[in-house]
């Protein structure tokens, strides 16, 4: 603890992680993109979000996204498969 507050967790690049890590985003992402399965995976740079989407609207195959940036995850999935509200 530093100054009465818990020390922030940092990823391998020195970026501050959310207090609960990335796992707290999984239910939110699943609600936004029900065609995908979500999880977390330890990577060389820390922990990343993983999305696996099978047989999306414009794709007959499997689509995977691996990133530690939730904004990038949403951007790519919205561009590639679209939000649930658009289906």
PDB file of N, CA and C in Angstrom:
ATOM      1  N   UNK A   1       0.841  -1.177   0.000  1.00  0.00           N
ATOM      2  CA  UNK A   1       0.000   0.000   0.000  1.00  0.00           C
ATOM      3  C   UNK A   1       0.881   1.233   0.000  1.00  0.00           C
ATOM      4  N   UNK A   2       0.386   2.235  -0.672  1.00  0.00           N
ATOM      5  CA  UNK A   2       1.115   3.493  -0.755  1.00  0.00           C
ATOM      6  C   UNK A   2       0.180   4.618  -0.370  1.00  0.00           C
ATOM      7  N   UNK A   3       0.490   5.352   0.663  1.00  0.00           N
ATOM      8  CA  UNK A   3      -0.345   6.481   1.072  1.00  0.00           C
ATOM      9  C   UNK A   3      -1.755   6.084   1.454  1.00  0.00           C
ATOM     10  N   UNK A   4      -1.943   4.900   2.018  1.00  0.00           N
ATOM     11  CA  UNK A   4      -3.259   4.466   2.433  1.00  0.00           C
ATOM     12  C   UNK A   4      -4.109   3.861   1.334  1.00  0.00           C
ATOM     13  N   UNK A   5      -3.605   3.859   0.098  1.00  0.00           N
ATOM     14  CA  UNK A   5      -4.333   3.261  -1.020  1.00  0.00           C
ATOM     15  C   UNK A   5      -3.555   2.064  -1.530  1.00  0.00           C
ATOM     16  N   UNK A   6      -4.242   1.028  -2.016  1.00  0.00           N
ATOM     17  CA  UNK A   6      -3.524  -0.105  -2.589  1.00  0.00           C
ATOM     18  C   UNK A   6      -2.736   0.341  -3.812  1.00  0.00           C
ATOM     19  N   UNK A   7      -1.564  -0.237  -4.001  1.00  0.00           N
ATOM     20  CA  UNK A   7      -0.766   0.080  -5.177  1.00  0.00           C
ATOM     21  C   UNK A   7      -1.480  -0.433  -6.419  1.00  0.00           C
ATOM     22  N   UNK A   8      -1.405   0.301  -7.517  1.00  0.00           N
ATOM     23  CA  UNK A   8      -2.036  -0.104  -8.760  1.00  0.00           C
ATOM     24  C   UNK A   8      -1.234  -1.217  -9.406  1.00  0.00           C
ATOM     25  N   UNK A   9      -1.945  -2.149 -10.013  1.00  0.00           N
ATOM     26  CA  UNK A   9      -1.283  -3.207 -10.768  1.00  0.00           C
ATOM     27  C   UNK A   9      -0.930  -2.656 -12.141  1.00  0.00           C
ATOM     28  N   UNK A  10       0.245  -3.022 -12.618  1.00  0.00           N
ATOM     29  CA  UNK A  10       0.696  -2.562 -13.926  1.00  0.00           C
ATOM     30  C   UNK A  10       0.923  -3.773 -14.819  1.00  0.00           C
ATOM     31  N   UNK A  11       0.657  -3.609 -16.115  1.00  0.00           N
ATOM     32  CA  UNK A  11       0.977  -4.678 -17.043  1.00  0.00           C
ATOM     33  C   UNK A  11       2.456  -4.602 -17.402  1.00  0.00           C
ATOM     34  N   UNK A  12       2.902  -5.474 -18.280  1.00  0.00           N
ATOM     35  CA  UNK A  12       4.322  -5.549 -18.630  1.00  0.00           C
ATOM     36  C   UNK A  12       4.841  -4.280 -19.285  1.00  0.00           C
ATOM     37  N   UNK A  13       3.949  -3.462 -19.850  1.00  0.00           N
ATOM     38  CA  UNK A  13       4.360  -2.217 -20.498  1.00  0.00           C
ATOM     39  C   UNK A  13       4.213  -1.010 -19.582  1.00  0.00           C
ATOM     40  N   UNK A  14       3.858  -1.266 -18.305  1.00  0.00           N
ATOM     41  CA  UNK A  14       3.741  -0.182 -17.339  1.00  0.00           C
ATOM     42  C   UNK A  14       2.407   0.526 -17.336  1.00  0.00           C
ATOM     43  N   UNK A  15       1.417  -0.011 -18.084  1.00  0.00           N
ATOM     44  CA  UNK A  15       0.090   0.596 -18.100  1.00  0.00           C
ATOM     45  C   UNK A  15      -0.699   0.107 -16.897  1.00  0.00           C
ATOM     46  N   UNK A  16      -1.503   0.989 -16.323  1.00  0.00           N
ATOM     47  CA  UNK A  16      -2.298   0.629 -15.158  1.00  0.00           C
ATOM     48  C   UNK A  16      -3.456  -0.279 -15.559  1.00  0.00           C
ATOM     49  N   UNK A  17      -3.601  -1.391 -14.835  1.00  0.00           N
ATOM     50  CA  UNK A  17      -4.707  -2.306 -15.074  1.00  0.00           C
ATOM     51  C   UNK A  17      -5.913  -1.886 -14.250  1.00  0.00           C
ATOM     52  N   UNK A  18      -7.090  -2.259 -14.699  1.00  0.00           N
ATOM     53  CA  UNK A  18      -8.304  -2.021 -13.926  1.00  0.00           C
ATOM     54  C   UNK A  18      -8.180  -2.776 -12.604  1.00  0.00           C
ATOM     55  N   UNK A  19      -8.781  -2.276 -11.533  1.00  0.00           N
ATOM     56  CA  UNK A  19      -8.640  -2.899 -10.224  1.00  0.00           C
ATOM     57  C   UNK A  19      -8.986  -4.382 -10.201  1.00  0.00           C
ATOM     58  N   UNK A  20      -9.947  -4.791 -11.001  1.00  0.00           N
ATOM     59  CA  UNK A  20     -10.350  -6.195 -11.023  1.00  0.00           C
ATOM     60  C   UNK A  20      -9.763  -6.929 -12.215  1.00  0.00           C
ATOM     61  N   UNK A  21      -8.809  -6.355 -12.904  1.00  0.00           N
ATOM     62  CA  UNK A  21      -8.264  -6.969 -14.104  1.00  0.00           C
ATOM     63  C   UNK A  21      -9.255  -6.859 -15.260  1.00  0.00           C
ATOM     64  N   UNK A  22      -8.989  -7.576 -16.318  1.00  0.00           N
ATOM     65  CA  UNK A  22      -9.845  -7.502 -17.500  1.00  0.00           C
ATOM     66  C   UNK A  22     -11.055  -8.420 -17.406  1.00  0.00           C
ATOM     67  N   UNK A  23     -11.035  -9.379 -16.486  1.00  0.00           N
ATOM     68  CA  UNK A  23     -12.120 -10.350 -16.376  1.00  0.00           C
ATOM     69  C   UNK A  23     -13.484  -9.736 -16.133  1.00  0.00           C
ATOM     70  N   UNK A  24     -13.540  -8.586 -15.478  1.00  0.00           N
ATOM     71  CA  UNK A  24     -14.831  -7.957 -15.202  1.00  0.00           C
ATOM     72  C   UNK A  24     -15.549  -7.526 -16.473  1.00  0.00           C
ATOM     73  N   UNK A  25     -14.819  -7.407 -17.585  1.00  0.00           N
ATOM     74  CA  UNK A  25     -15.424  -6.994 -18.852  1.00  0.00           C
ATOM     75  C   UNK A  25     -16.110  -8.136 -19.589  1.00  0.00           C
ATOM     76  N   UNK A  26     -15.824  -9.376 -19.228  1.00  0.00           N
ATOM     77  CA  UNK A  26     -16.329 -10.512 -19.990  1.00  0.00           C
ATOM     78  C   UNK A  26     -17.858 -10.548 -20.093  1.00  0.00           C
ATOM     79  N   UNK A  27     -18.595 -10.367 -18.997  1.00  0.00           N
ATOM     80  CA  UNK A  27     -20.061 -10.370 -19.134  1.00  0.00           C
ATOM     81  C   UNK A  27     -20.583  -9.221 -20.003  1.00  0.00           C
ATOM     82  N   UNK A  28     -19.936  -8.079 -19.919  1.00  0.00           N
ATOM     83  CA  UNK A  28     -20.354  -6.928 -20.727  1.00  0.00           C
ATOM     84  C   UNK A  28     -20.137  -7.198 -22.212  1.00  0.00           C
ATOM     85  N   UNK A  29     -18.970  -7.743 -22.544  1.00  0.00           N
ATOM     86  CA  UNK A  29     -18.681  -8.056 -23.943  1.00  0.00           C
ATOM     87  C   UNK A  29     -19.619  -9.141 -24.465  1.00  0.00           C
ATOM     88  N   UNK A  30     -19.891 -10.150 -23.638  1.00  0.00           N
ATOM     89  CA  UNK A  30     -20.795 -11.233 -24.043  1.00  0.00           C
ATOM     90  C   UNK A  30     -22.196 -10.690 -24.321  1.00  0.00           C
ATOM     91  N   UNK A  31     -22.633  -9.707 -23.542  1.00  0.00           N
ATOM     92  CA  UNK A  31     -23.951  -9.101 -23.772  1.00  0.00           C
ATOM     93  C   UNK A  31     -23.953  -8.275 -25.062  1.00  0.00           C
ATOM     94  N   UNK A  32     -22.841  -7.606 -25.337  1.00  0.00           N
ATOM     95  CA  UNK A  32     -22.736  -6.779 -26.547  1.00  0.00           C
ATOM     96  C   UNK A  32     -22.597  -7.608 -27.815  1.00  0.00           C
ATOM     97  N   UNK A  33     -21.892  -8.729 -27.703  1.00  0.00           N
ATOM     98  CA  UNK A  33     -21.590  -9.572 -28.862  1.00  0.00           C
ATOM     99  C   UNK A  33     -21.924 -11.026 -28.534  1.00  0.00           C
ATOM    100  N   UNK A  34     -23.216 -11.385 -28.512  1.00  0.00           N
ATOM    101  CA  UNK A  34     -23.614 -12.730 -28.093  1.00  0.00           C
ATOM    102  C   UNK A  34     -23.148 -13.841 -29.038  1.00  0.00           C
ATOM    103  N   UNK A  35     -22.720 -13.499 -30.240  1.00  0.00           N
ATOM    104  CA  UNK A  35     -22.232 -14.515 -31.182  1.00  0.00           C
ATOM    105  C   UNK A  35     -20.813 -14.966 -30.858  1.00  0.00           C
ATOM    106  N   UNK A  36     -20.183 -14.341 -29.858  1.00  0.00           N
ATOM    107  CA  UNK A  36     -18.790 -14.639 -29.532  1.00  0.00           C
ATOM    108  C   UNK A  36     -18.658 -15.223 -28.134  1.00  0.00           C
ATOM    109  N   UNK A  37     -17.571 -15.949 -27.939  1.00  0.00           N
ATOM    110  CA  UNK A  37     -17.182 -16.440 -26.622  1.00  0.00           C
ATOM    111  C   UNK A  37     -15.985 -15.613 -26.173  1.00  0.00           C
ATOM    112  N   UNK A  38     -15.930 -15.263 -24.894  1.00  0.00           N
ATOM    113  CA  UNK A  38     -14.869 -14.401 -24.385  1.00  0.00           C
ATOM    114  C   UNK A  38     -14.126 -15.060 -23.233  1.00  0.00           C
ATOM    115  N   UNK A  39     -12.877 -14.707 -23.106  1.00  0.00           N
ATOM    116  CA  UNK A  39     -12.062 -15.176 -21.999  1.00  0.00           C
ATOM    117  C   UNK A  39     -10.860 -14.276 -21.850  1.00  0.00           C
ATOM    118  N   UNK A  40     -10.003 -14.621 -20.900  1.00  0.00           N
ATOM    119  CA  UNK A  40      -8.731 -13.917 -20.741  1.00  0.00           C
ATOM    120  C   UNK A  40      -7.614 -14.930 -20.896  1.00  0.00           C
ATOM    121  N   UNK A  41      -6.462 -14.443 -21.300  1.00  0.00           N
ATOM    122  CA  UNK A  41      -5.305 -15.312 -21.522  1.00  0.00           C
ATOM    123  C   UNK A  41      -4.050 -14.560 -21.138  1.00  0.00           C
ATOM    124  N   UNK A  42      -3.180 -15.211 -20.386  1.00  0.00           N
ATOM    125  CA  UNK A  42      -1.889 -14.612 -20.070  1.00  0.00           C
ATOM    126  C   UNK A  42      -1.049 -14.616 -21.342  1.00  0.00           C
ATOM    127  N   UNK A  43      -0.486 -13.465 -21.665  1.00  0.00           N
ATOM    128  CA  UNK A  43       0.367 -13.313 -22.844  1.00  0.00           C
ATOM    129  C   UNK A  43       1.726 -12.792 -22.408  1.00  0.00           C
ATOM    130  N   UNK A  44       2.633 -12.637 -23.352  1.00  0.00           N
ATOM    131  CA  UNK A  44       3.968 -12.160 -23.017  1.00  0.00           C
ATOM    132  C   UNK A  44       3.956 -10.758 -22.433  1.00  0.00           C
ATOM    133  N   UNK A  45       2.884  -9.997 -22.718  1.00  0.00           N
ATOM    134  CA  UNK A  45       2.833  -8.615 -22.222  1.00  0.00           C
ATOM    135  C   UNK A  45       1.857  -8.432 -21.066  1.00  0.00           C
ATOM    136  N   UNK A  46       1.352  -9.508 -20.489  1.00  0.00           N
ATOM    137  CA  UNK A  46       0.413  -9.398 -19.372  1.00  0.00           C
ATOM    138  C   UNK A  46      -0.787 -10.287 -19.589  1.00  0.00           C
ATOM    139  N   UNK A  47      -1.973  -9.727 -19.450  1.00  0.00           N
ATOM    140  CA  UNK A  47      -3.218 -10.472 -19.654  1.00  0.00           C
ATOM    141  C   UNK A  47      -3.979  -9.810 -20.793  1.00  0.00           C
ATOM    142  N   UNK A  48      -4.504 -10.627 -21.689  1.00  0.00           N
ATOM    143  CA  UNK A  48      -5.261 -10.111 -22.828  1.00  0.00           C
ATOM    144  C   UNK A  48      -6.662 -10.683 -22.847  1.00  0.00           C
ATOM    145  N   UNK A  49      -7.559  -9.945 -23.490  1.00  0.00           N
ATOM    146  CA  UNK A  49      -8.904 -10.425 -23.771  1.00  0.00           C
ATOM    147  C   UNK A  49      -8.849 -11.280 -25.034  1.00  0.00           C
ATOM    148  N   UNK A  50      -9.646 -12.342 -25.059  1.00  0.00           N
ATOM    149  CA  UNK A  50      -9.723 -13.206 -26.227  1.00  0.00           C
ATOM    150  C   UNK A  50     -11.189 -13.335 -26.613  1.00  0.00           C
ATOM    151  N   UNK A  51     -11.482 -13.136 -27.891  1.00  0.00           N
ATOM    152  CA  UNK A  51     -12.832 -13.335 -28.418  1.00  0.00           C
ATOM    153  C   UNK A  51     -12.755 -14.351 -29.545  1.00  0.00           C
ATOM    154  N   UNK A  52     -13.622 -15.336 -29.492  1.00  0.00           N
ATOM    155  CA  UNK A  52     -13.741 -16.324 -30.562  1.00  0.00           C
ATOM    156  C   UNK A  52     -15.164 -16.234 -31.084  1.00  0.00           C
ATOM    157  N   UNK A  53     -15.287 -15.931 -32.374  1.00  0.00           N
ATOM    158  CA  UNK A  53     -16.603 -15.798 -32.998  1.00  0.00           C
ATOM    159  C   UNK A  53     -16.662 -16.810 -34.140  1.00  0.00           C
ATOM    160  N   UNK A  54     -17.692 -17.626 -34.135  1.00  0.00           N
ATOM    161  CA  UNK A  54     -17.843 -18.645 -35.173  1.00  0.00           C
ATOM    162  C   UNK A  54     -19.047 -18.315 -36.043  1.00  0.00           C
ATOM    163  N   UNK A  55     -18.851 -18.464 -37.352  1.00  0.00           N
ATOM    164  CA  UNK A  55     -19.937 -18.283 -38.314  1.00  0.00           C
ATOM    165  C   UNK A  55     -20.652 -16.943 -38.136  1.00  0.00           C
ATOM    166  N   UNK A  56     -19.870 -15.859 -38.163  1.00  0.00           N
ATOM    167  CA  UNK A  56     -20.438 -14.518 -38.049  1.00  0.00           C
ATOM    168  C   UNK A  56     -21.286 -14.167 -39.255  1.00  0.00           C
ATOM    169  N   UNK A  57     -21.897 -13.011 -39.212  1.00  0.00           N
ATOM    170  CA  UNK A  57     -22.811 -12.571 -40.265  1.00  0.00           C
ATOM    171  C   UNK A  57     -22.154 -12.567 -41.646  1.00  0.00           C
ATOM    172  N   UNK A  58     -20.916 -12.104 -41.721  1.00  0.00           N
ATOM    173  CA  UNK A  58     -20.241 -12.000 -43.017  1.00  0.00           C
ATOM    174  C   UNK A  58     -19.166 -13.053 -43.206  1.00  0.00           C
ATOM    175  N   UNK A  59     -19.095 -14.021 -42.304  1.00  0.00           N
ATOM    176  CA  UNK A  59     -18.010 -14.988 -42.349  1.00  0.00           C
ATOM    177  C   UNK A  59     -18.542 -16.388 -42.123  1.00  0.00           C
ATOM    178  N   UNK A  60     -18.032 -17.325 -42.873  1.00  0.00           N
ATOM    179  CA  UNK A  60     -18.443 -18.714 -42.702  1.00  0.00           C
ATOM    180  C   UNK A  60     -17.467 -19.466 -41.806  1.00  0.00           C
ATOM    181  N   UNK A  61     -16.443 -18.807 -41.315  1.00  0.00           N
ATOM    182  CA  UNK A  61     -15.430 -19.469 -40.514  1.00  0.00           C
ATOM    183  C   UNK A  61     -15.351 -18.946 -39.100  1.00  0.00           C
ATOM    184  N   UNK A  62     -14.196 -19.136 -38.503  1.00  0.00           N
ATOM    185  CA  UNK A  62     -13.948 -18.696 -37.137  1.00  0.00           C
ATOM    186  C   UNK A  62     -13.145 -17.411 -37.168  1.00  0.00           C
ATOM    187  N   UNK A  63     -13.497 -16.471 -36.302  1.00  0.00           N
ATOM    188  CA  UNK A  63     -12.819 -15.187 -36.216  1.00  0.00           C
ATOM    189  C   UNK A  63     -12.341 -15.019 -34.787  1.00  0.00           C
ATOM    190  N   UNK A  64     -11.073 -14.702 -34.604  1.00  0.00           N
ATOM    191  CA  UNK A  64     -10.522 -14.524 -33.258  1.00  0.00           C
ATOM    192  C   UNK A  64      -9.883 -13.154 -33.133  1.00  0.00           C
ATOM    193  N   UNK A  65     -10.015 -12.561 -31.943  1.00  0.00           N
ATOM    194  CA  UNK A  65      -9.387 -11.289 -31.629  1.00  0.00           C
ATOM    195  C   UNK A  65      -8.680 -11.459 -30.293  1.00  0.00           C
ATOM    196  N   UNK A  66      -7.414 -11.053 -30.227  1.00  0.00           N
ATOM    197  CA  UNK A  66      -6.651 -11.100 -28.983  1.00  0.00           C
ATOM    198  C   UNK A  66      -6.019  -9.735 -28.784  1.00  0.00           C
ATOM    199  N   UNK A  67      -6.374  -9.056 -27.695  1.00  0.00           N
ATOM    200  CA  UNK A  67      -5.843  -7.727 -27.403  1.00  0.00           C
ATOM    201  C   UNK A  67      -5.979  -7.440 -25.913  1.00  0.00           C
ATOM    202  N   UNK A  68      -5.143  -6.569 -25.413  1.00  0.00           N
ATOM    203  CA  UNK A  68      -5.266  -6.145 -24.016  1.00  0.00           C
ATOM    204  C   UNK A  68      -6.042  -4.835 -23.903  1.00  0.00           C
ATOM    205  N   UNK A  69      -6.506  -4.311 -25.037  1.00  0.00           N
ATOM    206  CA  UNK A  69      -7.220  -3.031 -25.078  1.00  0.00           C
ATOM    207  C   UNK A  69      -8.715  -3.258 -25.317  1.00  0.00           C
ATOM    208  N   UNK A  70      -9.556  -3.064 -24.301  1.00  0.00           N
ATOM    209  CA  UNK A  70     -10.998  -3.285 -24.476  1.00  0.00           C
ATOM    210  C   UNK A  70     -11.608  -2.435 -25.594  1.00  0.00           C
ATOM    211  N   UNK A  71     -11.124  -1.218 -25.780  1.00  0.00           N
ATOM    212  CA  UNK A  71     -11.631  -0.361 -26.857  1.00  0.00           C
ATOM    213  C   UNK A  71     -11.328  -0.937 -28.223  1.00  0.00           C
ATOM    214  N   UNK A  72     -10.131  -1.465 -28.369  1.00  0.00           N
ATOM    215  CA  UNK A  72      -9.768  -2.100 -29.639  1.00  0.00           C
ATOM    216  C   UNK A  72     -10.629  -3.338 -29.881  1.00  0.00           C
ATOM    217  N   UNK A  73     -10.889  -4.117 -28.825  1.00  0.00           N
ATOM    218  CA  UNK A  73     -11.722  -5.314 -28.950  1.00  0.00           C
ATOM    219  C   UNK A  73     -13.109  -4.926 -29.477  1.00  0.00           C
ATOM    220  N   UNK A  74     -13.720  -3.926 -28.855  1.00  0.00           N
ATOM    221  CA  UNK A  74     -15.059  -3.489 -29.289  1.00  0.00           C
ATOM    222  C   UNK A  74     -15.037  -2.954 -30.718  1.00  0.00           C
ATOM    223  N   UNK A  75     -14.019  -2.172 -31.045  1.00  0.00           N
ATOM    224  CA  UNK A  75     -13.909  -1.591 -32.386  1.00  0.00           C
ATOM    225  C   UNK A  75     -13.824  -2.681 -33.450  1.00  0.00           C
ATOM    226  N   UNK A  76     -12.956  -3.656 -33.238  1.00  0.00           N
ATOM    227  CA  UNK A  76     -12.759  -4.717 -34.226  1.00  0.00           C
ATOM    228  C   UNK A  76     -14.014  -5.577 -34.347  1.00  0.00           C
ATOM    229  N   UNK A  77     -14.604  -5.960 -33.213  1.00  0.00           N
ATOM    230  CA  UNK A  77     -15.802  -6.801 -33.278  1.00  0.00           C
ATOM    231  C   UNK A  77     -16.979  -6.058 -33.908  1.00  0.00           C
ATOM    232  N   UNK A  78     -17.133  -4.783 -33.617  1.00  0.00           N
ATOM    233  CA  UNK A  78     -18.207  -4.000 -34.221  1.00  0.00           C
ATOM    234  C   UNK A  78     -18.008  -3.919 -35.728  1.00  0.00           C
ATOM    235  N   UNK A  79     -16.768  -3.703 -36.146  1.00  0.00           N
ATOM    236  CA  UNK A  79     -16.469  -3.608 -37.582  1.00  0.00           C
ATOM    237  C   UNK A  79     -16.666  -4.954 -38.280  1.00  0.00           C
ATOM    238  N   UNK A  80     -16.244  -6.041 -37.646  1.00  0.00           N
ATOM    239  CA  UNK A  80     -16.250  -7.346 -38.302  1.00  0.00           C
ATOM    240  C   UNK A  80     -17.578  -8.098 -38.200  1.00  0.00           C
ATOM    241  N   UNK A  81     -18.246  -8.046 -37.048  1.00  0.00           N
ATOM    242  CA  UNK A  81     -19.488  -8.806 -36.909  1.00  0.00           C
ATOM    243  C   UNK A  81     -20.692  -7.937 -36.566  1.00  0.00           C
ATOM    244  N   UNK A  82     -20.456  -6.694 -36.171  1.00  0.00           N
ATOM    245  CA  UNK A  82     -21.541  -5.779 -35.834  1.00  0.00           C
ATOM    246  C   UNK A  82     -22.052  -6.015 -34.421  1.00  0.00           C
ATOM    247  N   UNK A  83     -22.630  -4.984 -33.814  1.00  0.00           N
ATOM    248  CA  UNK A  83     -23.180  -5.129 -32.468  1.00  0.00           C
ATOM    249  C   UNK A  83     -24.458  -5.950 -32.494  1.00  0.00           C
ATOM    250  N   UNK A  84     -24.829  -6.514 -31.345  1.00  0.00           N
ATOM    251  CA  UNK A  84     -26.040  -7.331 -31.242  1.00  0.00           C
ATOM    252  C   UNK A  84     -27.273  -6.542 -31.655  1.00  0.00           C
ATOM    253  N   UNK A  85     -27.301  -5.243 -31.360  1.00  0.00           N
ATOM    254  CA  UNK A  85     -28.476  -4.422 -31.675  1.00  0.00           C
ATOM    255  C   UNK A  85     -28.705  -4.272 -33.176  1.00  0.00           C
ATOM    256  N   UNK A  86     -27.673  -4.557 -33.997  1.00  0.00           N
ATOM    257  CA  UNK A  86     -27.807  -4.408 -35.445  1.00  0.00           C
ATOM    258  C   UNK A  86     -28.332  -5.683 -36.098  1.00  0.00           C
ATOM    259  N   UNK A  87     -28.472  -6.757 -35.329  1.00  0.00           N
ATOM    260  CA  UNK A  87     -28.925  -8.030 -35.918  1.00  0.00           C
ATOM    261  C   UNK A  87     -30.393  -8.207 -35.776  1.00  0.00           C
TER     262      UNK A  87
END
